[in-house]
Amino acid sequence: MCIFCKIVNGEIPNNTVHESEHFLAFHDLYPKAPVHILIIPKQHVDCFQDTTPEMMAGLTSFAQEVATKVGLDINGYRLITNNGADGGQEIMHLHFHMLGGGKLKWNDLREDPHKSL
């Protein structure tokens, strides 16, 4: 069972921001921005490539609720998902990072900017 499934099952504590029947949002333990929230479906789905349009429709509404709840809806935020190993996904459970709380920089995301893709 993955770490996010353990969080959903209550086996690992988290700092919940918002919860619905199908989704959970909680603060990231290692924030990369003043506000860094993880948004996950409660049902295990490995990655974005494996999700359904119906799940994404629900997640869209849920993410908008989270943004409003934490006050990111006015000035903006970044919503990111990594898909697969080359996309930087470390935990194989679909999750989105909601980053905000200030002007965010955009870095070159390649490990070595001198390598060609």
PDB file of N, CA and C in Angstrom:
ATOM      1  N   MET A   1       0.857  -1.183   0.000  1.00  0.00           N
ATOM      2  CA  MET A   1       0.000   0.000   0.000  1.00  0.00           C
ATOM      3  C   MET A   1       0.899   1.240   0.000  1.00  0.00           C
ATOM      4  N   CYS A   2       0.587   2.204  -0.858  1.00  0.00           N
ATOM      5  CA  CYS A   2       1.419   3.403  -0.965  1.00  0.00           C
ATOM      6  C   CYS A   2       1.169   4.355   0.212  1.00  0.00           C
ATOM      7  N   ILE A   3       2.068   5.311   0.372  1.00  0.00           N
ATOM      8  CA  ILE A   3       1.983   6.249   1.495  1.00  0.00           C
ATOM      9  C   ILE A   3       0.696   7.073   1.452  1.00  0.00           C
ATOM     10  N   PHE A   4       0.241   7.465   0.259  1.00  0.00           N
ATOM     11  CA  PHE A   4      -0.989   8.257   0.179  1.00  0.00           C
ATOM     12  C   PHE A   4      -2.209   7.423   0.535  1.00  0.00           C
ATOM     13  N   CYS A   5      -2.215   6.157   0.180  1.00  0.00           N
ATOM     14  CA  CYS A   5      -3.318   5.277   0.584  1.00  0.00           C
ATOM     15  C   CYS A   5      -3.333   5.122   2.109  1.00  0.00           C
ATOM     16  N   LYS A   6      -2.154   5.064   2.719  1.00  0.00           N
ATOM     17  CA  LYS A   6      -2.074   4.983   4.178  1.00  0.00           C
ATOM     18  C   LYS A   6      -2.592   6.260   4.825  1.00  0.00           C
ATOM     19  N   ILE A   7      -2.335   7.397   4.200  1.00  0.00           N
ATOM     20  CA  ILE A   7      -2.877   8.667   4.707  1.00  0.00           C
ATOM     21  C   ILE A   7      -4.397   8.657   4.606  1.00  0.00           C
ATOM     22  N   VAL A   8      -4.928   8.253   3.460  1.00  0.00           N
ATOM     23  CA  VAL A   8      -6.379   8.183   3.261  1.00  0.00           C
ATOM     24  C   VAL A   8      -7.016   7.255   4.298  1.00  0.00           C
ATOM     25  N   ASN A   9      -6.363   6.130   4.598  1.00  0.00           N
ATOM     26  CA  ASN A   9      -6.894   5.150   5.558  1.00  0.00           C
ATOM     27  C   ASN A   9      -6.688   5.552   7.016  1.00  0.00           C
ATOM     28  N   GLY A  10      -6.032   6.693   7.267  1.00  0.00           N
ATOM     29  CA  GLY A  10      -5.815   7.161   8.626  1.00  0.00           C
ATOM     30  C   GLY A  10      -4.647   6.490   9.328  1.00  0.00           C
ATOM     31  N   GLU A  11      -3.833   5.737   8.603  1.00  0.00           N
ATOM     32  CA  GLU A  11      -2.678   5.064   9.200  1.00  0.00           C
ATOM     33  C   GLU A  11      -1.506   6.017   9.414  1.00  0.00           C
ATOM     34  N   ILE A  12      -1.468   7.089   8.641  1.00  0.00           N
ATOM     35  CA  ILE A  12      -0.429   8.114   8.758  1.00  0.00           C
ATOM     36  C   ILE A  12      -1.136   9.452   8.929  1.00  0.00           C
ATOM     37  N   PRO A  13      -0.769  10.220   9.951  1.00  0.00           N
ATOM     38  CA  PRO A  13      -1.431  11.516  10.158  1.00  0.00           C
ATOM     39  C   PRO A  13      -1.043  12.525   9.081  1.00  0.00           C
ATOM     40  N   ASN A  14      -1.904  13.512   8.896  1.00  0.00           N
ATOM     41  CA  ASN A  14      -1.628  14.586   7.943  1.00  0.00           C
ATOM     42  C   ASN A  14      -2.282  15.857   8.442  1.00  0.00           C
ATOM     43  N   ASN A  15      -1.898  16.965   7.862  1.00  0.00           N
ATOM     44  CA  ASN A  15      -2.485  18.254   8.200  1.00  0.00           C
ATOM     45  C   ASN A  15      -3.510  18.587   7.112  1.00  0.00           C
ATOM     46  N   THR A  16      -4.731  18.068   7.294  1.00  0.00           N
ATOM     47  CA  THR A  16      -5.791  18.190   6.296  1.00  0.00           C
ATOM     48  C   THR A  16      -6.218  19.641   6.107  1.00  0.00           C
ATOM     49  N   VAL A  17      -6.360  20.025   4.850  1.00  0.00           N
ATOM     50  CA  VAL A  17      -6.864  21.339   4.480  1.00  0.00           C
ATOM     51  C   VAL A  17      -8.334  21.243   4.104  1.00  0.00           C
ATOM     52  N   HIS A  18      -8.661  20.189   3.335  1.00  0.00           N
ATOM     53  CA  HIS A  18     -10.025  20.036   2.832  1.00  0.00           C
ATOM     54  C   HIS A  18     -10.223  18.564   2.475  1.00  0.00           C
ATOM     55  N   GLU A  19     -11.460  18.095   2.638  1.00  0.00           N
ATOM     56  CA  GLU A  19     -11.745  16.691   2.358  1.00  0.00           C
ATOM     57  C   GLU A  19     -13.160  16.563   1.824  1.00  0.00           C
ATOM     58  N   SER A  20     -13.330  15.645   0.880  1.00  0.00           N
ATOM     59  CA  SER A  20     -14.651  15.308   0.367  1.00  0.00           C
ATOM     60  C   SER A  20     -14.752  13.787   0.334  1.00  0.00           C
ATOM     61  N   GLU A  21     -15.830  13.297  -0.192  1.00  0.00           N
ATOM     62  CA  GLU A  21     -16.015  11.855  -0.288  1.00  0.00           C
ATOM     63  C   GLU A  21     -14.929  11.204  -1.158  1.00  0.00           C
ATOM     64  N   HIS A  22     -14.468  11.932  -2.187  1.00  0.00           N
ATOM     65  CA  HIS A  22     -13.558  11.335  -3.163  1.00  0.00           C
ATOM     66  C   HIS A  22     -12.125  11.880  -3.154  1.00  0.00           C
ATOM     67  N   PHE A  23     -11.896  13.016  -2.486  1.00  0.00           N
ATOM     68  CA  PHE A  23     -10.585  13.662  -2.554  1.00  0.00           C
ATOM     69  C   PHE A  23     -10.129  14.149  -1.181  1.00  0.00           C
ATOM     70  N   LEU A  24      -8.814  14.315  -1.062  1.00  0.00           N
ATOM     71  CA  LEU A  24      -8.203  14.797   0.170  1.00  0.00           C
ATOM     72  C   LEU A  24      -7.121  15.794  -0.191  1.00  0.00           C
ATOM     73  N   ALA A  25      -7.045  16.899   0.545  1.00  0.00           N
ATOM     74  CA  ALA A  25      -5.992  17.899   0.373  1.00  0.00           C
ATOM     75  C   ALA A  25      -5.327  18.117   1.722  1.00  0.00           C
ATOM     76  N   PHE A  26      -4.004  18.121   1.709  1.00  0.00           N
ATOM     77  CA  PHE A  26      -3.249  18.306   2.953  1.00  0.00           C
ATOM     78  C   PHE A  26      -1.934  19.012   2.659  1.00  0.00           C
ATOM     79  N   HIS A  27      -1.359  19.627   3.708  1.00  0.00           N
ATOM     80  CA  HIS A  27      -0.096  20.347   3.558  1.00  0.00           C
ATOM     81  C   HIS A  27       1.050  19.379   3.301  1.00  0.00           C
ATOM     82  N   ASP A  28       1.915  19.746   2.357  1.00  0.00           N
ATOM     83  CA  ASP A  28       3.116  18.968   2.058  1.00  0.00           C
ATOM     84  C   ASP A  28       4.095  19.107   3.223  1.00  0.00           C
ATOM     85  N   LEU A  29       4.739  18.010   3.598  1.00  0.00           N
ATOM     86  CA  LEU A  29       5.716  18.032   4.695  1.00  0.00           C
ATOM     87  C   LEU A  29       6.980  18.806   4.327  1.00  0.00           C
ATOM     88  N   TYR A  30       7.277  18.918   3.050  1.00  0.00           N
ATOM     89  CA  TYR A  30       8.488  19.591   2.576  1.00  0.00           C
ATOM     90  C   TYR A  30       8.105  20.654   1.545  1.00  0.00           C
ATOM     91  N   PRO A  31       7.523  21.759   2.027  1.00  0.00           N
ATOM     92  CA  PRO A  31       6.973  22.755   1.105  1.00  0.00           C
ATOM     93  C   PRO A  31       8.029  23.417   0.230  1.00  0.00           C
ATOM     94  N   LYS A  32       7.634  23.657  -1.017  1.00  0.00           N
ATOM     95  CA  LYS A  32       8.481  24.342  -1.997  1.00  0.00           C
ATOM     96  C   LYS A  32       7.988  25.764  -2.256  1.00  0.00           C
ATOM     97  N   ALA A  33       6.981  26.191  -1.521  1.00  0.00           N
ATOM     98  CA  ALA A  33       6.409  27.536  -1.641  1.00  0.00           C
ATOM     99  C   ALA A  33       5.781  27.874  -0.294  1.00  0.00           C
ATOM    100  N   PRO A  34       5.449  29.162  -0.066  1.00  0.00           N
ATOM    101  CA  PRO A  34       4.801  29.517   1.209  1.00  0.00           C
ATOM    102  C   PRO A  34       3.550  28.678   1.495  1.00  0.00           C
ATOM    103  N   VAL A  35       2.800  28.360   0.446  1.00  0.00           N
ATOM    104  CA  VAL A  35       1.664  27.439   0.565  1.00  0.00           C
ATOM    105  C   VAL A  35       1.938  26.285  -0.393  1.00  0.00           C
ATOM    106  N   HIS A  36       1.977  25.059   0.129  1.00  0.00           N
ATOM    107  CA  HIS A  36       2.220  23.876  -0.699  1.00  0.00           C
ATOM    108  C   HIS A  36       1.292  22.776  -0.205  1.00  0.00           C
ATOM    109  N   ILE A  37       0.270  22.513  -0.990  1.00  0.00           N
ATOM    110  CA  ILE A  37      -0.764  21.542  -0.621  1.00  0.00           C
ATOM    111  C   ILE A  37      -0.762  20.410  -1.634  1.00  0.00           C
ATOM    112  N   LEU A  38      -0.905  19.191  -1.153  1.00  0.00           N
ATOM    113  CA  LEU A  38      -1.057  18.030  -2.017  1.00  0.00           C
ATOM    114  C   LEU A  38      -2.536  17.691  -2.129  1.00  0.00           C
ATOM    115  N   ILE A  39      -2.987  17.423  -3.332  1.00  0.00           N
ATOM    116  CA  ILE A  39      -4.383  17.064  -3.594  1.00  0.00           C
ATOM    117  C   ILE A  39      -4.379  15.680  -4.222  1.00  0.00           C
ATOM    118  N   ILE A  40      -5.093  14.739  -3.591  1.00  0.00           N
ATOM    119  CA  ILE A  40      -5.093  13.354  -4.070  1.00  0.00           C
ATOM    120  C   ILE A  40      -6.518  12.808  -4.152  1.00  0.00           C
ATOM    121  N   PRO A  41      -6.729  11.882  -5.075  1.00  0.00           N
ATOM    122  CA  PRO A  41      -7.985  11.130  -5.015  1.00  0.00           C
ATOM    123  C   PRO A  41      -7.864  10.091  -3.910  1.00  0.00           C
ATOM    124  N   LYS A  42      -8.948   9.802  -3.243  1.00  0.00           N
ATOM    125  CA  LYS A  42      -8.918   8.766  -2.208  1.00  0.00           C
ATOM    126  C   LYS A  42      -8.780   7.381  -2.827  1.00  0.00           C
ATOM    127  N   GLN A  43      -9.292   7.204  -4.014  1.00  0.00           N
ATOM    128  CA  GLN A  43      -9.140   5.945  -4.736  1.00  0.00           C
ATOM    129  C   GLN A  43      -7.733   5.922  -5.335  1.00  0.00           C
ATOM    130  N   HIS A  44      -7.045   4.804  -5.192  1.00  0.00           N
ATOM    131  CA  HIS A  44      -5.692   4.716  -5.732  1.00  0.00           C
ATOM    132  C   HIS A  44      -5.730   4.667  -7.263  1.00  0.00           C
ATOM    133  N   VAL A  45      -5.024   5.607  -7.860  1.00  0.00           N
ATOM    134  CA  VAL A  45      -4.766   5.662  -9.286  1.00  0.00           C
ATOM    135  C   VAL A  45      -3.282   5.974  -9.388  1.00  0.00           C
ATOM    136  N   ASP A  46      -2.537   5.193 -10.160  1.00  0.00           N
ATOM    137  CA  ASP A  46      -1.086   5.366 -10.206  1.00  0.00           C
ATOM    138  C   ASP A  46      -0.655   6.753 -10.674  1.00  0.00           C
ATOM    139  N   CYS A  47      -1.224   7.228 -11.771  1.00  0.00           N
ATOM    140  CA  CYS A  47      -0.729   8.474 -12.344  1.00  0.00           C
ATOM    141  C   CYS A  47      -1.806   9.128 -13.215  1.00  0.00           C
ATOM    142  N   PHE A  48      -1.492  10.317 -13.689  1.00  0.00           N
ATOM    143  CA  PHE A  48      -2.433  11.068 -14.521  1.00  0.00           C
ATOM    144  C   PHE A  48      -2.839  10.277 -15.763  1.00  0.00           C
ATOM    145  N   GLN A  49      -1.911   9.558 -16.336  1.00  0.00           N
ATOM    146  CA  GLN A  49      -2.190   8.799 -17.550  1.00  0.00           C
ATOM    147  C   GLN A  49      -3.271   7.734 -17.326  1.00  0.00           C
ATOM    148  N   ASP A  50      -3.442   7.288 -16.082  1.00  0.00           N
ATOM    149  CA  ASP A  50      -4.399   6.232 -15.750  1.00  0.00           C
ATOM    150  C   ASP A  50      -5.738   6.756 -15.234  1.00  0.00           C
ATOM    151  N   THR A  51      -5.906   8.058 -15.129  1.00  0.00           N
ATOM    152  CA  THR A  51      -7.136   8.597 -14.563  1.00  0.00           C
ATOM    153  C   THR A  51      -8.235   8.688 -15.629  1.00  0.00           C
ATOM    154  N   THR A  52      -9.428   8.983 -15.176  1.00  0.00           N
ATOM    155  CA  THR A  52     -10.564   9.114 -16.082  1.00  0.00           C
ATOM    156  C   THR A  52     -10.993  10.584 -16.169  1.00  0.00           C
ATOM    157  N   PRO A  53     -11.653  10.954 -17.249  1.00  0.00           N
ATOM    158  CA  PRO A  53     -12.174  12.318 -17.335  1.00  0.00           C
ATOM    159  C   PRO A  53     -13.145  12.638 -16.196  1.00  0.00           C
ATOM    160  N   GLU A  54     -13.917  11.644 -15.762  1.00  0.00           N
ATOM    161  CA  GLU A  54     -14.872  11.873 -14.668  1.00  0.00           C
ATOM    162  C   GLU A  54     -14.140  12.204 -13.365  1.00  0.00           C
ATOM    163  N   MET A  55     -13.054  11.476 -13.081  1.00  0.00           N
ATOM    164  CA  MET A  55     -12.291  11.773 -11.869  1.00  0.00           C
ATOM    165  C   MET A  55     -11.680  13.168 -11.954  1.00  0.00           C
ATOM    166  N   MET A  56     -11.166  13.520 -13.123  1.00  0.00           N
ATOM    167  CA  MET A  56     -10.553  14.836 -13.277  1.00  0.00           C
ATOM    168  C   MET A  56     -11.577  15.953 -13.148  1.00  0.00           C
ATOM    169  N   ALA A  57     -12.804  15.718 -13.598  1.00  0.00           N
ATOM    170  CA  ALA A  57     -13.849  16.726 -13.436  1.00  0.00           C
ATOM    171  C   ALA A  57     -14.100  16.986 -11.956  1.00  0.00           C
ATOM    172  N   GLY A  58     -14.173  15.919 -11.171  1.00  0.00           N
ATOM    173  CA  GLY A  58     -14.360  16.078  -9.734  1.00  0.00           C
ATOM    174  C   GLY A  58     -13.164  16.725  -9.066  1.00  0.00           C
ATOM    175  N   LEU A  59     -11.975  16.353  -9.510  1.00  0.00           N
ATOM    176  CA  LEU A  59     -10.764  16.918  -8.925  1.00  0.00           C
ATOM    177  C   LEU A  59     -10.647  18.404  -9.243  1.00  0.00           C
ATOM    178  N   THR A  60     -11.104  18.802 -10.419  1.00  0.00           N
ATOM    179  CA  THR A  60     -11.068  20.220 -10.792  1.00  0.00           C
ATOM    180  C   THR A  60     -11.888  21.051  -9.809  1.00  0.00           C
ATOM    181  N   SER A  61     -13.116  20.649  -9.553  1.00  0.00           N
ATOM    182  CA  SER A  61     -13.968  21.374  -8.601  1.00  0.00           C
ATOM    183  C   SER A  61     -13.354  21.377  -7.212  1.00  0.00           C
ATOM    184  N   PHE A  62     -12.819  20.225  -6.805  1.00  0.00           N
ATOM    185  CA  PHE A  62     -12.214  20.102  -5.481  1.00  0.00           C
ATOM    186  C   PHE A  62     -11.006  21.037  -5.355  1.00  0.00           C
ATOM    187  N   ALA A  63     -10.140  21.065  -6.369  1.00  0.00           N
ATOM    188  CA  ALA A  63      -8.961  21.930  -6.326  1.00  0.00           C
ATOM    189  C   ALA A  63      -9.358  23.404  -6.244  1.00  0.00           C
ATOM    190  N   GLN A  64     -10.403  23.785  -6.955  1.00  0.00           N
ATOM    191  CA  GLN A  64     -10.891  25.165  -6.888  1.00  0.00           C
ATOM    192  C   GLN A  64     -11.386  25.493  -5.486  1.00  0.00           C
ATOM    193  N   GLU A  65     -12.062  24.544  -4.836  1.00  0.00           N
ATOM    194  CA  GLU A  65     -12.514  24.736  -3.453  1.00  0.00           C
ATOM    195  C   GLU A  65     -11.325  24.908  -2.520  1.00  0.00           C
ATOM    196  N   VAL A  66     -10.297  24.099  -2.713  1.00  0.00           N
ATOM    197  CA  VAL A  66      -9.087  24.193  -1.880  1.00  0.00           C
ATOM    198  C   VAL A  66      -8.460  25.577  -2.049  1.00  0.00           C
ATOM    199  N   ALA A  67      -8.300  26.023  -3.284  1.00  0.00           N
ATOM    200  CA  ALA A  67      -7.695  27.332  -3.545  1.00  0.00           C
ATOM    201  C   ALA A  67      -8.462  28.449  -2.852  1.00  0.00           C
ATOM    202  N   THR A  68      -9.779  28.385  -2.910  1.00  0.00           N
ATOM    203  CA  THR A  68     -10.606  29.390  -2.242  1.00  0.00           C
ATOM    204  C   THR A  68     -10.446  29.302  -0.731  1.00  0.00           C
ATOM    205  N   LYS A  69     -10.442  28.091  -0.203  1.00  0.00           N
ATOM    206  CA  LYS A  69     -10.354  27.885   1.240  1.00  0.00           C
ATOM    207  C   LYS A  69      -9.052  28.440   1.823  1.00  0.00           C
ATOM    208  N   VAL A  70      -7.949  28.322   1.090  1.00  0.00           N
ATOM    209  CA  VAL A  70      -6.658  28.791   1.606  1.00  0.00           C
ATOM    210  C   VAL A  70      -6.285  30.174   1.071  1.00  0.00           C
ATOM    211  N   GLY A  71      -7.190  30.818   0.339  1.00  0.00           N
ATOM    212  CA  GLY A  71      -6.984  32.186  -0.104  1.00  0.00           C
ATOM    213  C   GLY A  71      -6.058  32.349  -1.298  1.00  0.00           C
ATOM    214  N   LEU A  72      -5.908  31.310  -2.115  1.00  0.00           N
ATOM    215  CA  LEU A  72      -5.064  31.419  -3.300  1.00  0.00           C
ATOM    216  C   LEU A  72      -5.856  31.760  -4.551  1.00  0.00           C
ATOM    217  N   ASP A  73      -7.175  31.772  -4.442  1.00  0.00           N
ATOM    218  CA  ASP A  73      -8.028  31.975  -5.610  1.00  0.00           C
ATOM    219  C   ASP A  73      -7.921  33.374  -6.204  1.00  0.00           C
ATOM    220  N   ILE A  74      -7.557  34.356  -5.424  1.00  0.00           N
ATOM    221  CA  ILE A  74      -7.513  35.741  -5.906  1.00  0.00           C
ATOM    222  C   ILE A  74      -6.208  36.041  -6.651  1.00  0.00           C
ATOM    223  N   ASN A  75      -5.070  35.800  -6.010  1.00  0.00           N
ATOM    224  CA  ASN A  75      -3.782  36.158  -6.607  1.00  0.00           C
ATOM    225  C   ASN A  75      -3.165  35.063  -7.460  1.00  0.00           C
ATOM    226  N   GLY A  76      -3.638  33.844  -7.320  1.00  0.00           N
ATOM    227  CA  GLY A  76      -3.171  32.785  -8.196  1.00  0.00           C
ATOM    228  C   GLY A  76      -2.330  31.723  -7.511  1.00  0.00           C
ATOM    229  N   TYR A  77      -2.113  30.657  -8.240  1.00  0.00           N
ATOM    230  CA  TYR A  77      -1.358  29.514  -7.750  1.00  0.00           C
ATOM    231  C   TYR A  77      -0.911  28.676  -8.929  1.00  0.00           C
ATOM    232  N   ARG A  78      -0.018  27.752  -8.649  1.00  0.00           N
ATOM    233  CA  ARG A  78       0.438  26.798  -9.662  1.00  0.00           C
ATOM    234  C   ARG A  78      -0.085  25.430  -9.264  1.00  0.00           C
ATOM    235  N   LEU A  79      -0.650  24.690 -10.221  1.00  0.00           N
ATOM    236  CA  LEU A  79      -1.153  23.340  -9.986  1.00  0.00           C
ATOM    237  C   LEU A  79      -0.354  22.406 -10.886  1.00  0.00           C
ATOM    238  N   ILE A  80       0.391  21.481 -10.264  1.00  0.00           N
ATOM    239  CA  ILE A  80       1.329  20.632 -10.996  1.00  0.00           C
ATOM    240  C   ILE A  80       1.067  19.169 -10.674  1.00  0.00           C
ATOM    241  N   THR A  81       1.160  18.327 -11.697  1.00  0.00           N
ATOM    242  CA  THR A  81       1.231  16.892 -11.473  1.00  0.00           C
ATOM    243  C   THR A  81       2.393  16.357 -12.290  1.00  0.00           C
ATOM    244  N   ASN A  82       3.116  15.429 -11.719  1.00  0.00           N
ATOM    245  CA  ASN A  82       4.203  14.748 -12.413  1.00  0.00           C
ATOM    246  C   ASN A  82       3.675  13.387 -12.838  1.00  0.00           C
ATOM    247  N   ASN A  83       4.001  12.980 -14.051  1.00  0.00           N
ATOM    248  CA  ASN A  83       3.470  11.733 -14.585  1.00  0.00           C
ATOM    249  C   ASN A  83       4.619  10.807 -14.973  1.00  0.00           C
ATOM    250  N   GLY A  84       4.795   9.735 -14.206  1.00  0.00           N
ATOM    251  CA  GLY A  84       5.824   8.746 -14.503  1.00  0.00           C
ATOM    252  C   GLY A  84       7.220   9.181 -14.091  1.00  0.00           C
ATOM    253  N   ALA A  85       8.159   8.256 -14.204  1.00  0.00           N
ATOM    254  CA  ALA A  85       9.530   8.479 -13.746  1.00  0.00           C
ATOM    255  C   ALA A  85      10.194   9.662 -14.450  1.00  0.00           C
ATOM    256  N   ASP A  86      10.088   9.745 -15.762  1.00  0.00           N
ATOM    257  CA  ASP A  86      10.726  10.848 -16.484  1.00  0.00           C
ATOM    258  C   ASP A  86      10.052  12.182 -16.198  1.00  0.00           C
ATOM    259  N   GLY A  87       8.802  12.145 -15.779  1.00  0.00           N
ATOM    260  CA  GLY A  87       8.088  13.365 -15.417  1.00  0.00           C
ATOM    261  C   GLY A  87       8.342  13.801 -13.986  1.00  0.00           C
ATOM    262  N   GLY A  88       9.122  13.028 -13.254  1.00  0.00           N
ATOM    263  CA  GLY A  88       9.476  13.393 -11.881  1.00  0.00           C
ATOM    264  C   GLY A  88       8.549  12.844 -10.815  1.00  0.00           C
ATOM    265  N   GLN A  89       7.651  11.931 -11.181  1.00  0.00           N
ATOM    266  CA  GLN A  89       6.736  11.372 -10.188  1.00  0.00           C
ATOM    267  C   GLN A  89       7.496  10.444  -9.244  1.00  0.00           C
ATOM    268  N   GLU A  90       7.440  10.730  -7.949  1.00  0.00           N
ATOM    269  CA  GLU A  90       8.144   9.934  -6.949  1.00  0.00           C
ATOM    270  C   GLU A  90       7.229   8.968  -6.222  1.00  0.00           C
ATOM    271  N   ILE A  91       5.972   9.338  -6.048  1.00  0.00           N
ATOM    272  CA  ILE A  91       4.991   8.473  -5.386  1.00  0.00           C
ATOM    273  C   ILE A  91       3.957   8.082  -6.435  1.00  0.00           C
ATOM    274  N   MET A  92       3.819   6.791  -6.631  1.00  0.00           N
ATOM    275  CA  MET A  92       2.921   6.300  -7.672  1.00  0.00           C
ATOM    276  C   MET A  92       1.473   6.253  -7.174  1.00  0.00           C
ATOM    277  N   HIS A  93       0.943   7.415  -6.908  1.00  0.00           N
ATOM    278  CA  HIS A  93      -0.462   7.656  -6.576  1.00  0.00           C
ATOM    279  C   HIS A  93      -0.718   9.053  -7.124  1.00  0.00           C
ATOM    280  N   LEU A  94      -1.680   9.179  -8.012  1.00  0.00           N
ATOM    281  CA  LEU A  94      -1.970  10.476  -8.613  1.00  0.00           C
ATOM    282  C   LEU A  94      -2.049  11.552  -7.547  1.00  0.00           C
ATOM    283  N   HIS A  95      -1.304  12.621  -7.741  1.00  0.00           N
ATOM    284  CA  HIS A  95      -1.377  13.746  -6.818  1.00  0.00           C
ATOM    285  C   HIS A  95      -0.999  15.033  -7.539  1.00  0.00           C
ATOM    286  N   PHE A  96      -1.575  16.115  -7.064  1.00  0.00           N
ATOM    287  CA  PHE A  96      -1.309  17.440  -7.597  1.00  0.00           C
ATOM    288  C   PHE A  96      -0.708  18.289  -6.492  1.00  0.00           C
ATOM    289  N   HIS A  97       0.256  19.101  -6.862  1.00  0.00           N
ATOM    290  CA  HIS A  97       0.865  20.066  -5.957  1.00  0.00           C
ATOM    291  C   HIS A  97       0.221  21.417  -6.226  1.00  0.00           C
ATOM    292  N   MET A  98      -0.367  22.025  -5.202  1.00  0.00           N
ATOM    293  CA  MET A  98      -0.886  23.379  -5.309  1.00  0.00           C
ATOM    294  C   MET A  98       0.114  24.281  -4.596  1.00  0.00           C
ATOM    295  N   LEU A  99       0.761  25.153  -5.374  1.00  0.00           N
ATOM    296  CA  LEU A  99       1.797  26.036  -4.850  1.00  0.00           C
ATOM    297  C   LEU A  99       1.342  27.475  -4.970  1.00  0.00           C
ATOM    298  N   GLY A 100       1.544  28.252  -3.926  1.00  0.00           N
ATOM    299  CA  GLY A 100       1.158  29.656  -3.968  1.00  0.00           C
ATOM    300  C   GLY A 100       1.634  30.393  -2.744  1.00  0.00           C
ATOM    301  N   GLY A 101       1.011  31.531  -2.512  1.00  0.00           N
ATOM    302  CA  GLY A 101       1.354  32.335  -1.356  1.00  0.00           C
ATOM    303  C   GLY A 101       2.416  33.366  -1.635  1.00  0.00           C
ATOM    304  N   GLY A 102       2.705  33.633  -2.886  1.00  0.00           N
ATOM    305  CA  GLY A 102       3.701  34.618  -3.288  1.00  0.00           C
ATOM    306  C   GLY A 102       4.035  34.434  -4.746  1.00  0.00           C
ATOM    307  N   LYS A 103       4.808  35.368  -5.283  1.00  0.00           N
ATOM    308  CA  LYS A 103       5.220  35.298  -6.689  1.00  0.00           C
ATOM    309  C   LYS A 103       6.152  34.103  -6.860  1.00  0.00           C
ATOM    310  N   LEU A 104       5.774  33.154  -7.709  1.00  0.00           N
ATOM    311  CA  LEU A 104       6.552  31.937  -7.904  1.00  0.00           C
ATOM    312  C   LEU A 104       7.503  32.102  -9.077  1.00  0.00           C
ATOM    313  N   LYS A 105       8.731  31.600  -8.900  1.00  0.00           N
ATOM    314  CA  LYS A 105       9.705  31.583  -9.991  1.00  0.00           C
ATOM    315  C   LYS A 105       9.449  30.350 -10.843  1.00  0.00           C
ATOM    316  N   TRP A 106       9.955  30.381 -12.061  1.00  0.00           N
ATOM    317  CA  TRP A 106       9.888  29.210 -12.926  1.00  0.00           C
ATOM    318  C   TRP A 106      11.318  28.822 -13.248  1.00  0.00           C
ATOM    319  N   ASN A 107      11.692  27.634 -12.801  1.00  0.00           N
ATOM    320  CA  ASN A 107      13.047  27.138 -13.024  1.00  0.00           C
ATOM    321  C   ASN A 107      13.079  26.188 -14.206  1.00  0.00           C
ATOM    322  N   ASP A 108      14.268  26.030 -14.786  1.00  0.00           N
ATOM    323  CA  ASP A 108      14.472  24.997 -15.790  1.00  0.00           C
ATOM    324  C   ASP A 108      14.336  23.675 -15.060  1.00  0.00           C
ATOM    325  N   LEU A 109      13.409  22.849 -15.465  1.00  0.00           N
ATOM    326  CA  LEU A 109      13.078  21.646 -14.720  1.00  0.00           C
ATOM    327  C   LEU A 109      13.932  20.437 -15.088  1.00  0.00           C
ATOM    328  N   ARG A 110      14.795  20.573 -16.060  1.00  0.00           N
ATOM    329  CA  ARG A 110      15.674  19.461 -16.416  1.00  0.00           C
ATOM    330  C   ARG A 110      16.779  19.340 -15.385  1.00  0.00           C
ATOM    331  N   GLU A 111      17.204  18.106 -15.120  1.00  0.00           N
ATOM    332  CA  GLU A 111      18.285  17.893 -14.157  1.00  0.00           C
ATOM    333  C   GLU A 111      19.575  18.555 -14.624  1.00  0.00           C
ATOM    334  N   ASP A 112      19.888  18.474 -15.903  1.00  0.00           N
ATOM    335  CA  ASP A 112      21.079  19.077 -16.460  1.00  0.00           C
ATOM    336  C   ASP A 112      20.654  19.958 -17.631  1.00  0.00           C
ATOM    337  N   PRO A 113      20.643  21.271 -17.455  1.00  0.00           N
ATOM    338  CA  PRO A 113      20.146  22.151 -18.523  1.00  0.00           C
ATOM    339  C   PRO A 113      21.012  22.112 -19.781  1.00  0.00           C
ATOM    340  N   HIS A 114      22.221  21.523 -19.712  1.00  0.00           N
ATOM    341  CA  HIS A 114      23.101  21.458 -20.870  1.00  0.00           C
ATOM    342  C   HIS A 114      22.883  20.186 -21.699  1.00  0.00           C
ATOM    343  N   LYS A 115      22.123  19.227 -21.154  1.00  0.00           N
ATOM    344  CA  LYS A 115      21.797  18.012 -21.902  1.00  0.00           C
ATOM    345  C   LYS A 115      20.660  18.319 -22.862  1.00  0.00           C
ATOM    346  N   SER A 116      20.683  17.699 -24.010  1.00  0.00           N
ATOM    347  CA  SER A 116      19.555  17.846 -24.921  1.00  0.00           C
ATOM    348  C   SER A 116      18.490  16.835 -24.539  1.00  0.00           C
ATOM    349  N   LEU A 117      17.247  17.182 -24.800  1.00  0.00           N
ATOM    350  CA  LEU A 117      16.149  16.281 -24.461  1.00  0.00           C
ATOM    351  C   LEU A 117      16.022  15.170 -25.454  1.00  0.00           C
TER     352      LEU A 117
END
